[in-house]
Amino acid sequence: MNVLPDSLQRLIEELAKFPGIGKKSAQRIAFYILKSDREDAVSLARTIIDVKDRIFRCSRCHHISDVDPCKICSDPKRDHTTICVVQEPLDVIAVEKTGWYRGLYHVLGGVISPLNGVSPDDLNIQPLLYRLEGIREVILAINPTRDGETTSLYLSKLVKDKQIKVTRIAQGLPSGIDLEFADEITLTHALEGRTNL
């Protein structure tokens, strides 16, 4: 028998859907919201709705933004001859934290994964190929997983056919780690030690 009111139970179930939030954590968050002032809860709800209504993908790089093109793509101080290819928007944030890289980005939206039914057509690969005019180097900063390796090799072949230098971040990152969890120093060394493919 559930002793919680239905609305509170639904909130716990919704919070438990977040990555890294289990049932116990969801319950603690729900009770925190319940104890908070109504204004704080309304502000949180409005902020969530605002993010869903105002955030979209940049038409050039596919990073998240509230303007199009995004702030990175439209920044004249960035190196517009280099593109760093990453899997997800969180990877852009991880690389930006290093303060080392000053070029452009391209977010694939995942990796090629035949076992999961993800083909090259399901990713933002064609838009990347359209952006290559005037580009001198493409840096592949894709997570070093089996599917990440497959994606890197696939992209390397496509980009090399266009006579553009292709590099990849150095293997300073442990195998299987996502870029978003790497610390700034490790990621900086990985970027500085990138190698040709």
Protein backbone atom coordinates (compact mmCIF):
# COMPACT_ATOMS: atom_id res chain seq x y z
CA MET A 1 0.00 0.00 0.00
CA ASN A 2 1.35 3.40 -0.99
CA VAL A 3 1.14 5.85 1.90
CA LEU A 4 2.15 8.90 -0.18
CA PRO A 5 -0.33 11.19 -1.90
CA ASP A 6 -0.65 10.42 -5.62
CA SER A 7 0.78 13.77 -6.74
CA LEU A 8 3.90 13.32 -4.58
CA GLN A 9 4.32 9.74 -5.80
CA ARG A 10 4.11 10.95 -9.43
CA LEU A 11 6.76 13.61 -8.70
CA ILE A 12 9.08 10.96 -7.24
CA GLU A 13 8.55 8.74 -10.29
CA GLU A 14 9.28 11.62 -12.68
CA LEU A 15 12.43 12.64 -10.79
CA ALA A 16 13.65 9.02 -10.75
CA LYS A 17 13.74 9.14 -14.57
CA PHE A 18 16.71 11.56 -14.44
CA PRO A 19 20.14 10.00 -15.06
CA GLY A 20 21.99 9.29 -11.84
CA ILE A 21 18.86 9.77 -9.71
CA GLY A 22 17.62 6.62 -8.06
CA LYS A 23 14.35 6.15 -6.19
CA LYS A 24 15.82 7.26 -2.83
CA SER A 25 17.39 10.42 -4.30
CA ALA A 26 14.16 11.19 -6.15
CA GLN A 27 12.26 10.84 -2.90
CA ARG A 28 14.66 13.23 -1.09
CA ILE A 29 14.37 15.80 -3.90
CA ALA A 30 10.58 15.51 -3.94
CA PHE A 31 10.37 16.08 -0.18
CA TYR A 32 12.77 19.03 -0.50
CA ILE A 33 10.47 20.56 -3.12
CA LEU A 34 7.48 19.85 -0.89
CA LYS A 35 9.14 21.71 2.04
CA SER A 36 10.24 24.64 -0.18
CA ASP A 37 8.24 27.84 -0.56
CA ARG A 38 5.59 27.71 -3.25
CA GLU A 39 7.41 30.51 -5.12
CA ASP A 40 10.58 28.39 -5.30
CA ALA A 41 8.65 25.42 -6.69
CA VAL A 42 6.88 27.64 -9.25
CA SER A 43 10.21 29.20 -10.23
CA LEU A 44 11.71 25.72 -10.75
CA ALA A 45 8.73 24.64 -12.87
CA ARG A 46 8.90 27.82 -14.97
CA THR A 47 12.65 27.40 -15.46
CA ILE A 48 12.17 23.83 -16.73
CA ILE A 49 9.44 24.98 -19.14
CA ASP A 50 11.59 27.93 -20.24
CA VAL A 51 14.49 25.60 -21.08
CA LYS A 52 12.19 23.32 -23.08
CA ASP A 53 10.68 26.29 -24.96
CA ARG A 54 13.83 28.35 -25.65
CA ILE A 55 16.72 25.92 -26.13
CA PHE A 56 17.30 24.32 -29.54
CA ARG A 57 20.17 23.02 -31.68
CA CYS A 58 22.40 25.46 -33.57
CA SER A 59 21.80 25.07 -37.31
CA ARG A 60 25.58 24.96 -37.95
CA CYS A 61 27.20 22.91 -35.19
CA HIS A 62 24.16 21.25 -33.52
CA HIS A 63 25.25 22.41 -30.06
CA ILE A 64 22.50 23.65 -27.75
CA SER A 65 21.71 27.35 -27.96
CA ASP A 66 19.09 30.04 -27.55
CA VAL A 67 20.33 31.97 -30.63
CA ASP A 68 21.08 30.78 -34.15
CA PRO A 69 23.90 30.49 -35.01
CA CYS A 70 25.14 29.79 -31.49
CA LYS A 71 27.58 32.06 -29.65
CA ILE A 72 30.55 29.82 -30.52
CA CYS A 73 29.79 29.65 -34.26
CA SER A 74 29.25 33.40 -34.49
CA ASP A 75 32.30 34.41 -32.42
CA PRO A 76 34.80 36.12 -34.78
CA LYS A 77 37.63 35.56 -32.26
CA ARG A 78 37.44 31.79 -32.63
CA ASP A 79 39.56 29.83 -35.12
CA HIS A 80 37.16 29.17 -38.00
CA THR A 81 39.60 26.79 -39.71
CA THR A 82 39.36 24.05 -37.05
CA ILE A 83 36.38 21.93 -36.05
CA CYS A 84 36.33 19.70 -32.97
CA VAL A 85 33.84 16.86 -33.49
CA VAL A 86 32.14 15.57 -30.32
CA GLN A 87 29.28 13.23 -29.52
CA GLU A 88 27.03 15.38 -27.34
CA PRO A 89 26.63 18.98 -26.09
CA LEU A 90 28.08 17.99 -22.69
CA ASP A 91 31.33 17.19 -24.51
CA VAL A 92 31.49 20.77 -25.85
CA ILE A 93 31.18 22.01 -22.28
CA ALA A 94 33.94 19.65 -21.13
CA VAL A 95 36.36 20.82 -23.85
CA GLU A 96 35.49 24.49 -23.25
CA LYS A 97 36.34 24.13 -19.55
CA THR A 98 39.96 23.48 -20.50
CA GLY A 99 40.28 26.99 -21.92
CA TRP A 100 42.78 25.57 -24.44
CA TYR A 101 40.68 25.00 -27.56
CA ARG A 102 39.49 28.11 -29.46
CA GLY A 103 38.07 26.62 -32.66
CA LEU A 104 34.58 25.56 -33.72
CA TYR A 105 32.60 22.45 -32.78
CA HIS A 106 30.34 19.92 -34.41
CA VAL A 107 28.01 17.78 -32.29
CA LEU A 108 27.21 14.40 -33.86
CA GLY A 109 24.33 13.53 -31.55
CA GLY A 110 25.74 10.10 -30.75
CA VAL A 111 27.96 7.46 -32.33
CA ILE A 112 27.54 4.78 -34.94
CA SER A 113 26.23 1.73 -33.11
CA PRO A 114 24.94 -1.13 -35.28
CA LEU A 115 23.89 -3.16 -32.22
CA ASN A 116 21.68 -0.26 -31.09
CA GLY A 117 20.38 0.47 -34.58
CA VAL A 118 22.30 3.76 -34.98
CA SER A 119 23.67 4.23 -38.50
CA PRO A 120 25.66 7.17 -39.95
CA ASP A 121 22.38 8.51 -41.35
CA ASP A 122 21.05 8.90 -37.79
CA LEU A 123 23.88 11.29 -36.85
CA ASN A 124 24.81 14.84 -37.86
CA ILE A 125 27.49 13.64 -40.27
CA GLN A 126 26.18 15.16 -43.51
CA PRO A 127 25.97 18.65 -41.94
CA LEU A 128 29.62 18.24 -40.86
CA LEU A 129 30.68 17.42 -44.43
CA TYR A 130 28.88 20.55 -45.68
CA ARG A 131 30.90 22.70 -43.24
CA LEU A 132 34.36 21.60 -44.37
CA GLU A 133 35.06 24.36 -46.93
CA GLY A 134 37.93 26.46 -45.56
CA ILE A 135 38.61 24.00 -42.74
CA ARG A 136 42.24 22.95 -42.29
CA GLU A 137 41.88 20.51 -39.38
CA VAL A 138 39.15 18.30 -37.94
CA ILE A 139 39.80 17.10 -34.38
CA LEU A 140 37.93 13.96 -33.41
CA ALA A 141 37.12 14.16 -29.69
CA ILE A 142 34.84 11.16 -29.55
CA ASN A 143 34.59 8.95 -26.48
CA PRO A 144 37.07 6.04 -26.73
CA THR A 145 34.49 3.26 -26.68
CA ARG A 146 34.10 0.54 -29.32
CA ASP A 147 31.31 2.51 -31.04
CA GLY A 148 33.34 5.70 -30.64
CA GLU A 149 36.29 4.06 -32.38
CA THR A 150 34.03 2.90 -35.22
CA THR A 151 32.66 6.43 -35.61
CA SER A 152 36.15 7.99 -35.53
CA LEU A 153 37.43 5.66 -38.26
CA TYR A 154 34.34 6.30 -40.39
CA LEU A 155 34.67 10.09 -40.06
CA SER A 156 38.42 9.97 -40.60
CA LYS A 157 37.97 8.32 -43.98
CA LEU A 158 35.27 10.79 -45.08
CA VAL A 159 37.25 13.86 -44.05
CA LYS A 160 40.63 12.65 -45.36
CA ASP A 161 39.01 12.17 -48.77
CA LYS A 162 38.55 15.96 -48.77
CA GLN A 163 42.29 16.55 -48.20
CA ILE A 164 41.79 17.92 -44.68
CA LYS A 165 44.07 17.10 -41.76
CA VAL A 166 42.31 14.75 -39.31
CA THR A 167 43.57 14.44 -35.74
CA ARG A 168 42.20 12.82 -32.67
CA ILE A 169 42.63 13.69 -29.05
CA ALA A 170 45.45 11.80 -27.37
CA GLN A 171 44.76 8.62 -25.48
CA GLY A 172 45.27 10.32 -22.12
CA LEU A 173 41.67 9.50 -21.33
CA PRO A 174 40.90 6.12 -19.82
CA SER A 175 39.11 3.79 -22.19
CA GLY A 176 35.35 3.85 -21.76
CA ILE A 177 35.14 7.27 -20.05
CA ASP A 178 32.75 9.95 -21.32
CA LEU A 179 34.35 13.36 -21.97
CA GLU A 180 31.95 15.09 -19.60
CA PHE A 181 33.50 13.21 -16.65
CA ALA A 182 37.14 13.96 -17.52
CA ASP A 183 38.92 16.60 -15.48
CA GLU A 184 40.25 19.73 -17.21
CA ILE A 185 43.94 18.77 -16.93
CA THR A 186 43.47 15.31 -18.45
CA LEU A 187 41.32 16.73 -21.23
CA THR A 188 43.83 19.54 -21.92
CA HIS A 189 46.67 17.01 -22.25
CA ALA A 190 44.52 14.86 -24.47
CA LEU A 191 43.80 17.82 -26.76
CA GLU A 192 47.43 18.96 -26.85
CA GLY A 193 48.66 15.42 -27.61
CA ARG A 194 46.20 14.65 -30.41
CA THR A 195 47.59 12.53 -33.23
CA ASN A 196 46.98 12.09 -36.94
CA LEU A 197 44.69 9.27 -37.98
